């Protein structure tokens, strides 16, 4: 939400606010009896250490089922150390293949740009 890459967090937050509002106005999570979603945010800053602290903070304060965000690979790797230990799903948009090749069970990424030739 702050620093050189703040635009990614700002845009993601706006998108998530729209999605949460739509889901809640449509009756919440129907498979869980209509429970509404609650969106909480935490600033990951712009360093690996601040991303790790951000993950620790949001998990200790809010006990989320999943964390969505983190668009910078080095920050994703750092935060995933925390989410893996705490068994919290982390869905990130990190672009470096090695992020999801570390064997973490709770880390998923949405972006994948490799074509058949291996060129990005």
N, C-alpha and C. Protein backbone atom coordinates (compact mmCIF):
# COMPACT_ATOMS: atom_id res chain seq x y z
N UNK A 1 0.82 -1.20 0.00
CA UNK A 1 0.00 0.00 0.00
C UNK A 1 0.86 1.26 0.00
N UNK A 2 2.15 1.11 0.34
CA UNK A 2 3.05 2.25 0.31
C UNK A 2 4.33 1.83 -0.41
N UNK A 3 5.16 2.79 -0.72
CA UNK A 3 6.44 2.50 -1.34
C UNK A 3 6.37 2.51 -2.85
N UNK A 4 7.44 2.07 -3.46
CA UNK A 4 7.59 2.13 -4.91
C UNK A 4 6.56 1.30 -5.67
N UNK A 5 6.02 0.28 -5.05
CA UNK A 5 5.08 -0.62 -5.73
C UNK A 5 3.65 -0.47 -5.20
N UNK A 6 3.35 0.66 -4.60
CA UNK A 6 2.05 0.88 -3.98
C UNK A 6 0.88 0.74 -4.95
N UNK A 7 1.09 1.06 -6.21
CA UNK A 7 0.00 0.99 -7.18
C UNK A 7 -0.58 -0.42 -7.26
N UNK A 8 0.27 -1.44 -7.14
CA UNK A 8 -0.23 -2.81 -7.20
C UNK A 8 -1.18 -3.09 -6.04
N UNK A 9 -0.80 -2.68 -4.85
CA UNK A 9 -1.65 -2.89 -3.68
C UNK A 9 -2.92 -2.09 -3.74
N UNK A 10 -2.82 -0.86 -4.20
CA UNK A 10 -4.00 0.01 -4.30
C UNK A 10 -5.01 -0.56 -5.29
N UNK A 11 -4.53 -0.96 -6.45
CA UNK A 11 -5.43 -1.52 -7.46
C UNK A 11 -6.04 -2.84 -6.99
N UNK A 12 -5.24 -3.68 -6.34
CA UNK A 12 -5.75 -4.96 -5.84
C UNK A 12 -6.81 -4.73 -4.77
N UNK A 13 -6.59 -3.77 -3.90
CA UNK A 13 -7.56 -3.49 -2.84
C UNK A 13 -8.89 -3.04 -3.43
N UNK A 14 -8.85 -2.18 -4.42
CA UNK A 14 -10.08 -1.72 -5.07
C UNK A 14 -10.82 -2.90 -5.69
N UNK A 15 -10.09 -3.76 -6.39
CA UNK A 15 -10.71 -4.93 -7.00
C UNK A 15 -11.32 -5.87 -5.98
N UNK A 16 -10.61 -6.07 -4.87
CA UNK A 16 -11.11 -6.96 -3.83
C UNK A 16 -12.32 -6.36 -3.13
N UNK A 17 -12.34 -5.04 -2.95
CA UNK A 17 -13.51 -4.39 -2.34
C UNK A 17 -14.75 -4.61 -3.20
N UNK A 18 -14.59 -4.49 -4.50
CA UNK A 18 -15.71 -4.71 -5.42
C UNK A 18 -16.18 -6.16 -5.35
N UNK A 19 -15.24 -7.10 -5.37
CA UNK A 19 -15.59 -8.52 -5.32
C UNK A 19 -16.29 -8.89 -4.01
N UNK A 20 -15.76 -8.41 -2.90
CA UNK A 20 -16.35 -8.71 -1.59
C UNK A 20 -17.76 -8.13 -1.51
N UNK A 21 -17.93 -6.91 -1.97
CA UNK A 21 -19.27 -6.28 -1.96
C UNK A 21 -20.25 -7.11 -2.80
N UNK A 22 -19.82 -7.52 -3.97
CA UNK A 22 -20.69 -8.31 -4.85
C UNK A 22 -21.06 -9.65 -4.20
N UNK A 23 -20.08 -10.34 -3.64
CA UNK A 23 -20.35 -11.64 -2.99
C UNK A 23 -21.28 -11.46 -1.81
N UNK A 24 -21.03 -10.48 -0.98
CA UNK A 24 -21.88 -10.26 0.19
C UNK A 24 -23.29 -9.84 -0.19
N UNK A 25 -23.44 -8.99 -1.20
CA UNK A 25 -24.77 -8.58 -1.66
C UNK A 25 -25.52 -9.73 -2.32
N UNK A 26 -24.79 -10.74 -2.77
CA UNK A 26 -25.41 -11.92 -3.39
C UNK A 26 -25.69 -13.02 -2.37
N UNK A 27 -25.53 -12.72 -1.10
CA UNK A 27 -25.87 -13.69 -0.08
C UNK A 27 -24.68 -14.32 0.62
N UNK A 28 -23.49 -13.81 0.39
CA UNK A 28 -22.31 -14.33 1.08
C UNK A 28 -21.87 -15.68 0.52
N UNK A 29 -21.13 -16.40 1.31
CA UNK A 29 -20.63 -17.72 0.90
C UNK A 29 -21.73 -18.74 1.18
N UNK A 30 -22.44 -19.10 0.16
CA UNK A 30 -23.62 -19.96 0.31
C UNK A 30 -23.29 -21.32 0.90
N UNK A 31 -22.15 -21.89 0.52
CA UNK A 31 -21.79 -23.21 1.05
C UNK A 31 -21.47 -23.17 2.54
N UNK A 32 -21.33 -21.97 3.09
CA UNK A 32 -21.09 -21.81 4.52
C UNK A 32 -22.26 -21.10 5.20
N UNK A 33 -23.44 -21.31 4.64
CA UNK A 33 -24.64 -20.75 5.25
C UNK A 33 -24.82 -19.26 5.03
N UNK A 34 -24.20 -18.72 3.99
CA UNK A 34 -24.36 -17.31 3.68
C UNK A 34 -23.43 -16.38 4.45
N UNK A 35 -22.40 -16.93 5.03
CA UNK A 35 -21.47 -16.10 5.81
C UNK A 35 -20.87 -15.01 4.90
N UNK A 36 -20.84 -13.78 5.36
CA UNK A 36 -20.27 -12.71 4.54
C UNK A 36 -18.74 -12.71 4.61
N UNK A 37 -18.14 -12.19 3.56
CA UNK A 37 -16.69 -12.02 3.55
C UNK A 37 -16.33 -10.71 4.25
N UNK A 38 -15.16 -10.69 4.87
CA UNK A 38 -14.65 -9.46 5.46
C UNK A 38 -13.26 -9.23 4.87
N UNK A 39 -13.05 -8.05 4.32
CA UNK A 39 -11.76 -7.70 3.74
C UNK A 39 -10.97 -6.89 4.75
N UNK A 40 -9.78 -7.35 5.04
CA UNK A 40 -8.85 -6.59 5.89
C UNK A 40 -7.56 -6.43 5.11
N UNK A 41 -6.85 -5.35 5.34
CA UNK A 41 -5.62 -5.10 4.60
C UNK A 41 -4.46 -4.84 5.55
N UNK A 42 -3.29 -5.07 5.04
CA UNK A 42 -2.06 -4.81 5.78
C UNK A 42 -1.03 -4.34 4.77
N UNK A 43 -0.25 -3.35 5.12
CA UNK A 43 0.77 -2.82 4.24
C UNK A 43 2.01 -3.72 4.29
N UNK A 44 2.41 -4.22 3.15
CA UNK A 44 3.61 -5.06 3.07
C UNK A 44 4.88 -4.23 2.92
N UNK A 45 4.73 -2.92 2.78
CA UNK A 45 5.89 -2.07 2.63
C UNK A 45 6.61 -2.33 1.32
N UNK A 46 7.93 -2.20 1.34
CA UNK A 46 8.67 -2.43 0.10
C UNK A 46 9.93 -3.26 0.26
N UNK A 47 10.04 -3.96 1.39
CA UNK A 47 11.19 -4.84 1.59
C UNK A 47 10.69 -6.23 1.97
N UNK A 48 11.57 -7.19 1.84
CA UNK A 48 11.23 -8.56 2.23
C UNK A 48 10.89 -8.61 3.72
N UNK A 49 11.65 -7.90 4.54
CA UNK A 49 11.39 -7.89 5.98
C UNK A 49 10.04 -7.28 6.31
N UNK A 50 9.68 -6.18 5.64
CA UNK A 50 8.39 -5.56 5.92
C UNK A 50 7.23 -6.43 5.43
N UNK A 51 7.44 -7.18 4.35
CA UNK A 51 6.40 -8.11 3.88
C UNK A 51 6.19 -9.24 4.88
N UNK A 52 7.28 -9.73 5.45
CA UNK A 52 7.19 -10.78 6.46
C UNK A 52 6.46 -10.26 7.70
N UNK A 53 6.81 -9.07 8.13
CA UNK A 53 6.14 -8.46 9.28
C UNK A 53 4.65 -8.21 9.00
N UNK A 54 4.34 -7.79 7.78
CA UNK A 54 2.95 -7.58 7.39
C UNK A 54 2.14 -8.87 7.45
N UNK A 55 2.73 -9.96 6.97
CA UNK A 55 2.05 -11.26 7.03
C UNK A 55 1.83 -11.69 8.46
N UNK A 56 2.86 -11.53 9.30
CA UNK A 56 2.73 -11.89 10.71
C UNK A 56 1.64 -11.06 11.39
N UNK A 57 1.59 -9.78 11.07
CA UNK A 57 0.61 -8.88 11.68
C UNK A 57 -0.82 -9.25 11.30
N UNK A 58 -1.07 -9.43 10.01
CA UNK A 58 -2.44 -9.72 9.58
C UNK A 58 -2.92 -11.08 10.10
N UNK A 59 -2.00 -12.04 10.18
CA UNK A 59 -2.38 -13.36 10.69
C UNK A 59 -2.66 -13.29 12.19
N UNK A 60 -1.83 -12.59 12.93
CA UNK A 60 -2.05 -12.53 14.39
C UNK A 60 -3.28 -11.71 14.76
N UNK A 61 -3.59 -10.67 13.99
CA UNK A 61 -4.74 -9.81 14.30
C UNK A 61 -6.06 -10.38 13.81
N UNK A 62 -6.06 -10.99 12.63
CA UNK A 62 -7.32 -11.34 11.96
C UNK A 62 -7.53 -12.83 11.70
N UNK A 63 -6.51 -13.64 11.82
CA UNK A 63 -6.61 -15.09 11.61
C UNK A 63 -7.31 -15.43 10.28
N UNK A 64 -6.80 -14.92 9.16
CA UNK A 64 -7.47 -15.16 7.88
C UNK A 64 -7.31 -16.61 7.40
N UNK A 65 -8.24 -17.02 6.57
CA UNK A 65 -8.15 -18.31 5.89
C UNK A 65 -7.15 -18.20 4.74
N UNK A 66 -7.14 -17.03 4.10
CA UNK A 66 -6.27 -16.81 2.95
C UNK A 66 -5.83 -15.35 2.91
N UNK A 67 -4.67 -15.15 2.33
CA UNK A 67 -4.16 -13.81 2.07
C UNK A 67 -3.99 -13.69 0.55
N UNK A 68 -4.50 -12.60 0.00
CA UNK A 68 -4.38 -12.34 -1.43
C UNK A 68 -3.52 -11.10 -1.61
N UNK A 69 -2.58 -11.16 -2.52
CA UNK A 69 -1.76 -9.99 -2.77
C UNK A 69 -0.31 -10.36 -2.92
N UNK A 70 0.54 -9.40 -2.73
CA UNK A 70 1.99 -9.54 -2.89
C UNK A 70 2.34 -9.79 -4.36
N UNK A 71 2.84 -8.76 -4.99
CA UNK A 71 3.11 -8.81 -6.41
C UNK A 71 4.60 -8.79 -6.74
N UNK A 72 5.43 -8.62 -5.73
CA UNK A 72 6.86 -8.58 -5.93
C UNK A 72 7.42 -9.91 -5.41
N UNK A 73 8.15 -10.62 -6.23
CA UNK A 73 8.55 -11.99 -5.90
C UNK A 73 9.36 -12.10 -4.61
N UNK A 74 10.33 -11.22 -4.40
CA UNK A 74 11.15 -11.32 -3.17
C UNK A 74 10.30 -11.10 -1.92
N UNK A 75 9.29 -10.28 -2.03
CA UNK A 75 8.39 -10.04 -0.90
C UNK A 75 7.46 -11.24 -0.70
N UNK A 76 7.04 -11.84 -1.80
CA UNK A 76 6.19 -13.03 -1.72
C UNK A 76 6.92 -14.17 -1.04
N UNK A 77 8.18 -14.38 -1.41
CA UNK A 77 8.98 -15.44 -0.80
C UNK A 77 9.07 -15.22 0.71
N UNK A 78 9.34 -14.00 1.13
CA UNK A 78 9.47 -13.70 2.56
C UNK A 78 8.16 -13.92 3.30
N UNK A 79 7.07 -13.40 2.76
CA UNK A 79 5.77 -13.56 3.41
C UNK A 79 5.34 -15.02 3.44
N UNK A 80 5.71 -15.78 2.40
CA UNK A 80 5.30 -17.18 2.34
C UNK A 80 5.98 -18.02 3.41
N UNK A 81 7.11 -17.57 3.93
CA UNK A 81 7.72 -18.26 5.08
C UNK A 81 6.75 -18.24 6.26
N UNK A 82 6.09 -17.11 6.45
CA UNK A 82 5.14 -16.95 7.55
C UNK A 82 3.85 -17.71 7.27
N UNK A 83 3.30 -17.54 6.06
CA UNK A 83 2.02 -18.21 5.76
C UNK A 83 2.17 -19.72 5.75
N UNK A 84 3.31 -20.21 5.33
CA UNK A 84 3.55 -21.66 5.34
C UNK A 84 3.59 -22.17 6.78
N UNK A 85 4.32 -21.48 7.62
CA UNK A 85 4.43 -21.87 9.04
C UNK A 85 3.07 -21.84 9.73
N UNK A 86 2.25 -20.83 9.39
CA UNK A 86 0.95 -20.65 10.04
C UNK A 86 -0.18 -21.38 9.32
N UNK A 87 0.14 -22.03 8.21
CA UNK A 87 -0.83 -22.78 7.41
C UNK A 87 -1.99 -21.90 6.92
N UNK A 88 -1.61 -20.75 6.39
CA UNK A 88 -2.55 -19.80 5.80
C UNK A 88 -2.28 -19.75 4.30
N UNK A 89 -3.30 -19.89 3.50
CA UNK A 89 -3.15 -19.85 2.05
C UNK A 89 -2.70 -18.46 1.62
N UNK A 90 -1.70 -18.41 0.75
CA UNK A 90 -1.23 -17.16 0.16
C UNK A 90 -1.38 -17.27 -1.35
N UNK A 91 -2.24 -16.42 -1.91
CA UNK A 91 -2.43 -16.36 -3.36
C UNK A 91 -1.75 -15.07 -3.81
N UNK A 92 -0.64 -15.23 -4.51
CA UNK A 92 0.17 -14.08 -4.92
C UNK A 92 0.21 -13.98 -6.43
N UNK A 93 0.65 -12.84 -6.89
CA UNK A 93 0.77 -12.60 -8.32
C UNK A 93 2.24 -12.44 -8.70
N UNK A 94 3.10 -13.10 -7.97
CA UNK A 94 4.54 -13.03 -8.24
C UNK A 94 4.84 -13.65 -9.60
N UNK A 95 5.79 -13.08 -10.31
CA UNK A 95 6.05 -13.51 -11.68
C UNK A 95 7.18 -14.52 -11.84
N UNK A 96 8.04 -14.65 -10.89
CA UNK A 96 9.20 -15.53 -11.01
C UNK A 96 8.81 -16.98 -10.72
N UNK A 97 9.09 -17.87 -11.66
CA UNK A 97 8.72 -19.28 -11.51
C UNK A 97 9.21 -19.89 -10.21
N UNK A 98 10.39 -19.51 -9.77
CA UNK A 98 10.98 -20.13 -8.58
C UNK A 98 10.13 -19.91 -7.33
N UNK A 99 9.26 -18.93 -7.35
CA UNK A 99 8.40 -18.65 -6.19
C UNK A 99 7.54 -19.86 -5.85
N UNK A 100 6.97 -20.49 -6.86
CA UNK A 100 6.12 -21.65 -6.60
C UNK A 100 6.83 -22.97 -6.82
N UNK A 101 8.12 -22.92 -7.02
CA UNK A 101 8.90 -24.15 -7.16
C UNK A 101 9.68 -24.46 -5.88
N UNK A 102 9.34 -23.78 -4.77
CA UNK A 102 10.03 -23.99 -3.50
C UNK A 102 9.41 -25.11 -2.69
N UNK A 103 8.28 -25.65 -3.15
CA UNK A 103 7.65 -26.75 -2.45
C UNK A 103 6.70 -26.31 -1.33
N UNK A 104 6.34 -25.04 -1.30
CA UNK A 104 5.41 -24.58 -0.28
C UNK A 104 4.00 -25.11 -0.58
N UNK A 105 3.34 -25.62 0.44
CA UNK A 105 2.02 -26.21 0.26
C UNK A 105 0.89 -25.18 0.29
N UNK A 106 1.13 -24.01 0.87
CA UNK A 106 0.07 -23.01 1.04
C UNK A 106 0.26 -21.80 0.13
N UNK A 107 1.17 -21.87 -0.82
CA UNK A 107 1.46 -20.76 -1.71
C UNK A 107 1.00 -21.08 -3.12
N UNK A 108 0.23 -20.15 -3.68
CA UNK A 108 -0.27 -20.28 -5.05
C UNK A 108 -0.04 -18.95 -5.76
N UNK A 109 0.21 -19.01 -7.04
CA UNK A 109 0.32 -17.77 -7.79
C UNK A 109 -0.61 -17.81 -8.99
N UNK A 110 -1.08 -16.65 -9.37
CA UNK A 110 -2.04 -16.56 -10.46
C UNK A 110 -1.38 -16.29 -11.80
N UNK A 111 -0.18 -15.73 -11.80
CA UNK A 111 0.49 -15.36 -13.05
C UNK A 111 1.45 -16.46 -13.50
N UNK A 112 1.42 -16.72 -14.79
CA UNK A 112 2.38 -17.65 -15.38
C UNK A 112 2.50 -17.27 -16.85
N UNK A 113 3.69 -16.83 -17.25
CA UNK A 113 3.84 -16.29 -18.59
C UNK A 113 4.77 -17.08 -19.49
N UNK A 114 5.12 -18.28 -19.13
CA UNK A 114 6.06 -19.04 -19.94
C UNK A 114 5.34 -19.65 -21.15
N UNK A 115 5.93 -19.49 -22.33
CA UNK A 115 5.37 -20.16 -23.50
C UNK A 115 6.13 -21.47 -23.71
N UNK A 116 5.83 -22.17 -24.77
CA UNK A 116 6.44 -23.49 -25.00
C UNK A 116 7.94 -23.42 -25.20
N UNK A 117 8.46 -22.29 -25.66
CA UNK A 117 9.90 -22.19 -25.89
C UNK A 117 10.65 -21.83 -24.62
N UNK A 118 9.93 -21.49 -23.57
CA UNK A 118 10.58 -21.10 -22.30
C UNK A 118 10.88 -19.63 -22.25
N UNK A 119 10.52 -18.89 -23.30
CA UNK A 119 10.75 -17.44 -23.33
C UNK A 119 9.56 -16.74 -22.69
N UNK A 120 9.88 -15.75 -21.90
CA UNK A 120 8.80 -14.98 -21.26
C UNK A 120 8.46 -13.77 -22.06
